[in-house]
Amino acid sequence: MNGWRRSGRGAKARLTATLNEQEVAVLRNLVAEVRQMLHGRSDAAPPDELSLLTGIRTGPTTRPDDRVLARLLPDFTTEDPELAAGLRSLHEPALIEAKDAAAAIVLDTLPVGGGKVALTPEQADSWLAALNDVRLALGTALDVSEDMPEELPPDDPRAPHLGVYHWLTFVQDALVQSRMHMR
């Protein structure tokens, strides 16, 4: 991938990029994996009394035990545990739905086997959300920090994956820059 380019004007404006087969495979796998983790979280939450009485979908009241999921689904507040539990129960299902919808758009717009991606501004926003989730998940799994070197020693098991993280950062940053010029 060389970066994102703007094509067309007005309602026909698109952001385009060409991804090779390997890049598409990496994106498909990582987006699908994050999506699967989120589905596991939402599927694990049994309906509660409020949900059954009101029809309002509620979710779990506790933070995920898995640190990657906890990073993707952070507490809505840290000041009051009871308020945090209530906010999580009310808002986590919608947050998961939004993350899932963004991931679905990425998967739907990725060309099978590589090729040109052409995104509307709205699709680009979904890509940005999904790329952010993938980077958060991968960064958490790799323990990425500000003081981490650009390259890890070859014997570090995280080394091959850090390159993917840096590539995702490039794709996201290039898309942000191109998207800003569409406004």
Protein backbone atom coordinates (compact mmCIF):
# COMPACT_ATOMS: atom_id res chain seq x y z
CA MET A 1 0.00 0.00 0.00
CA ASN A 2 1.35 3.36 -0.99
CA GLY A 3 -1.23 5.47 0.79
CA TRP A 4 -4.71 6.86 0.31
CA ARG A 5 -5.64 9.17 -2.56
CA ARG A 6 -8.70 11.25 -3.13
CA SER A 7 -10.66 10.69 -6.31
CA GLY A 8 -13.82 12.38 -7.53
CA ARG A 9 -15.59 15.46 -6.23
CA GLY A 10 -18.65 16.22 -4.14
CA ALA A 11 -20.96 13.27 -3.57
CA LYS A 12 -18.73 11.10 -5.77
CA ALA A 13 -15.60 11.78 -3.70
CA ARG A 14 -13.77 8.63 -2.65
CA LEU A 15 -10.58 7.74 -0.87
CA THR A 16 -8.75 5.03 -2.75
CA ALA A 17 -5.81 2.77 -2.05
CA THR A 18 -4.47 -0.43 -3.50
CA LEU A 19 -3.78 -3.30 -1.15
CA ASN A 20 -1.90 -6.42 -2.12
CA GLU A 21 -3.14 -9.91 -1.31
CA GLN A 22 -1.07 -10.22 1.87
CA GLU A 23 -2.22 -6.83 3.20
CA VAL A 24 -5.85 -7.77 2.60
CA ALA A 25 -5.33 -11.11 4.34
CA VAL A 26 -3.74 -9.43 7.37
CA LEU A 27 -6.56 -6.89 7.64
CA ARG A 28 -9.26 -9.52 7.16
CA ASN A 29 -7.78 -11.77 9.83
CA LEU A 30 -7.19 -9.05 12.40
CA VAL A 31 -10.57 -7.36 11.92
CA ALA A 32 -12.33 -10.73 12.06
CA GLU A 33 -10.43 -11.66 15.23
CA VAL A 34 -11.41 -8.43 17.00
CA ARG A 35 -14.97 -8.91 15.82
CA GLN A 36 -15.01 -12.46 17.20
CA MET A 37 -13.72 -11.25 20.58
CA LEU A 38 -16.48 -8.63 20.75
CA HIS A 39 -19.14 -11.18 19.75
CA GLY A 40 -17.88 -13.48 22.49
CA ARG A 41 -18.38 -10.70 25.01
CA SER A 42 -21.89 -9.81 23.85
CA ASP A 43 -22.99 -13.45 23.47
CA ALA A 44 -21.82 -14.26 27.01
CA ALA A 45 -24.13 -11.71 28.63
CA PRO A 46 -27.46 -13.33 29.56
CA PRO A 47 -30.55 -11.08 29.49
CA ASP A 48 -31.24 -9.46 32.85
CA GLU A 49 -34.56 -8.48 34.49
CA LEU A 50 -34.46 -4.89 33.21
CA SER A 51 -33.89 -6.10 29.68
CA LEU A 52 -36.75 -8.60 29.91
CA LEU A 53 -39.16 -6.02 31.42
CA THR A 54 -38.36 -3.04 29.24
CA GLY A 55 -36.98 -4.52 26.05
CA ILE A 56 -33.90 -2.34 26.54
CA ARG A 57 -30.85 -4.42 25.75
CA THR A 58 -28.38 -4.40 28.59
CA GLY A 59 -24.94 -5.88 28.94
CA PRO A 60 -22.57 -7.04 31.63
CA THR A 61 -21.85 -4.79 34.58
CA THR A 62 -18.25 -5.86 35.06
CA ARG A 63 -15.12 -5.00 33.13
CA PRO A 64 -13.88 -7.80 30.87
CA ASP A 65 -11.26 -10.07 32.45
CA ASP A 66 -9.34 -10.29 29.17
CA ARG A 67 -6.98 -7.32 29.00
CA VAL A 68 -7.42 -6.87 25.25
CA LEU A 69 -11.20 -6.74 25.60
CA ALA A 70 -10.83 -4.44 28.60
CA ARG A 71 -8.84 -2.07 26.38
CA LEU A 72 -11.51 -2.21 23.66
CA LEU A 73 -14.34 -1.80 26.18
CA PRO A 74 -12.98 0.53 28.88
CA ASP A 75 -14.90 1.72 31.91
CA PHE A 76 -17.14 4.70 31.23
CA THR A 77 -16.05 6.24 34.54
CA THR A 78 -13.52 5.33 37.20
CA GLU A 79 -14.84 7.59 39.94
CA ASP A 80 -17.84 5.53 41.07
CA PRO A 81 -17.82 1.73 40.67
CA GLU A 82 -21.62 1.49 40.91
CA LEU A 83 -22.09 4.16 38.25
CA ALA A 84 -19.44 2.48 36.08
CA ALA A 85 -21.34 -0.82 36.32
CA GLY A 86 -24.64 0.82 35.38
CA LEU A 87 -23.14 2.74 32.47
CA ARG A 88 -21.41 -0.38 31.19
CA SER A 89 -24.65 -2.36 31.36
CA LEU A 90 -26.56 0.30 29.42
CA HIS A 91 -23.94 1.35 26.86
CA GLU A 92 -21.66 -1.61 26.20
CA PRO A 93 -24.11 -3.41 23.88
CA ALA A 94 -24.38 -0.31 21.65
CA LEU A 95 -20.61 0.15 21.72
CA ILE A 96 -20.10 -3.45 20.62
CA GLU A 97 -22.71 -3.01 17.87
CA ALA A 98 -20.94 0.13 16.60
CA LYS A 99 -17.56 -1.61 16.62
CA ASP A 100 -19.06 -4.61 14.86
CA ALA A 101 -20.71 -2.43 12.20
CA ALA A 102 -17.41 -0.65 11.49
CA ALA A 103 -15.61 -4.00 11.22
CA ALA A 104 -18.29 -5.30 8.84
CA ILE A 105 -17.76 -2.31 6.54
CA VAL A 106 -14.03 -2.97 6.44
CA LEU A 107 -14.61 -6.62 5.59
CA ASP A 108 -17.24 -5.72 2.97
CA THR A 109 -15.00 -3.18 1.22
CA LEU A 110 -11.79 -5.22 1.18
CA PRO A 111 -11.19 -6.69 -2.25
CA VAL A 112 -10.81 -10.46 -2.21
CA GLY A 113 -7.23 -11.32 -3.15
CA GLY A 114 -6.07 -7.69 -3.10
CA GLY A 115 -6.79 -4.73 -5.31
CA LYS A 116 -8.31 -1.27 -5.16
CA VAL A 117 -10.32 -0.06 -2.18
CA ALA A 118 -12.61 2.93 -2.82
CA LEU A 119 -14.27 4.41 0.27
CA THR A 120 -16.98 7.00 0.71
CA PRO A 121 -16.31 9.47 3.56
CA GLU A 122 -18.65 7.45 5.80
CA GLN A 123 -16.90 4.19 4.96
CA ALA A 124 -13.54 5.85 5.64
CA ASP A 125 -14.81 6.83 9.10
CA SER A 126 -15.78 3.20 9.73
CA TRP A 127 -12.36 2.06 8.56
CA LEU A 128 -10.74 4.50 10.99
CA ALA A 129 -12.81 3.16 13.88
CA ALA A 130 -12.07 -0.47 13.00
CA LEU A 131 -8.35 0.18 12.41
CA ASN A 132 -8.21 1.90 15.78
CA ASP A 133 -9.78 -1.16 17.44
CA VAL A 134 -7.35 -3.51 15.71
CA ARG A 135 -4.38 -1.34 16.71
CA LEU A 136 -5.60 -1.13 20.32
CA ALA A 137 -6.05 -4.90 20.47
CA LEU A 138 -2.70 -5.70 18.87
CA GLY A 139 -0.89 -2.99 20.83
CA THR A 140 -2.30 -4.34 24.10
CA ALA A 141 -1.39 -7.92 23.20
CA LEU A 142 2.17 -6.82 22.32
CA ASP A 143 2.53 -4.51 25.34
CA VAL A 144 3.31 -1.59 23.04
CA SER A 145 4.40 1.48 24.98
CA GLU A 146 5.81 4.90 24.16
CA ASP A 147 9.31 3.85 25.20
CA MET A 148 9.27 0.67 23.11
CA PRO A 149 11.96 0.65 20.40
CA GLU A 150 10.92 0.72 16.73
CA GLU A 151 12.37 -2.78 16.31
CA LEU A 152 12.63 -5.60 18.80
CA PRO A 153 15.46 -8.14 18.96
CA PRO A 154 14.84 -11.02 16.52
CA ASP A 155 14.51 -13.49 19.40
CA ASP A 156 11.63 -11.48 20.95
CA PRO A 157 8.40 -13.36 20.10
CA ARG A 158 6.63 -10.03 19.55
CA ALA A 159 9.09 -8.87 16.86
CA PRO A 160 7.22 -10.15 13.78
CA HIS A 161 3.94 -8.71 15.02
CA LEU A 162 5.39 -5.30 15.80
CA GLY A 163 5.92 -4.75 12.08
CA VAL A 164 2.21 -5.39 11.51
CA TYR A 165 1.39 -2.89 14.26
CA HIS A 166 3.58 -0.25 12.58
CA TRP A 167 1.99 -0.97 9.21
CA LEU A 168 -1.50 -0.57 10.72
CA THR A 169 -0.35 2.74 12.20
CA PHE A 170 0.77 3.87 8.74
CA VAL A 171 -2.53 2.82 7.12
CA GLN A 172 -4.56 4.56 9.81
CA ASP A 173 -2.47 7.74 9.78
CA ALA A 174 -2.55 7.97 5.98
CA LEU A 175 -6.32 7.51 6.04
CA VAL A 176 -6.73 10.18 8.74
CA GLN A 177 -4.67 12.65 6.71
CA SER A 178 -6.59 11.92 3.51
CA ARG A 179 -9.95 12.01 5.29
CA MET A 180 -9.17 15.43 6.77
CA HIS A 181 -8.70 16.84 3.28
CA MET A 182 -12.16 15.65 2.25
CA ARG A 183 -13.96 17.85 4.77
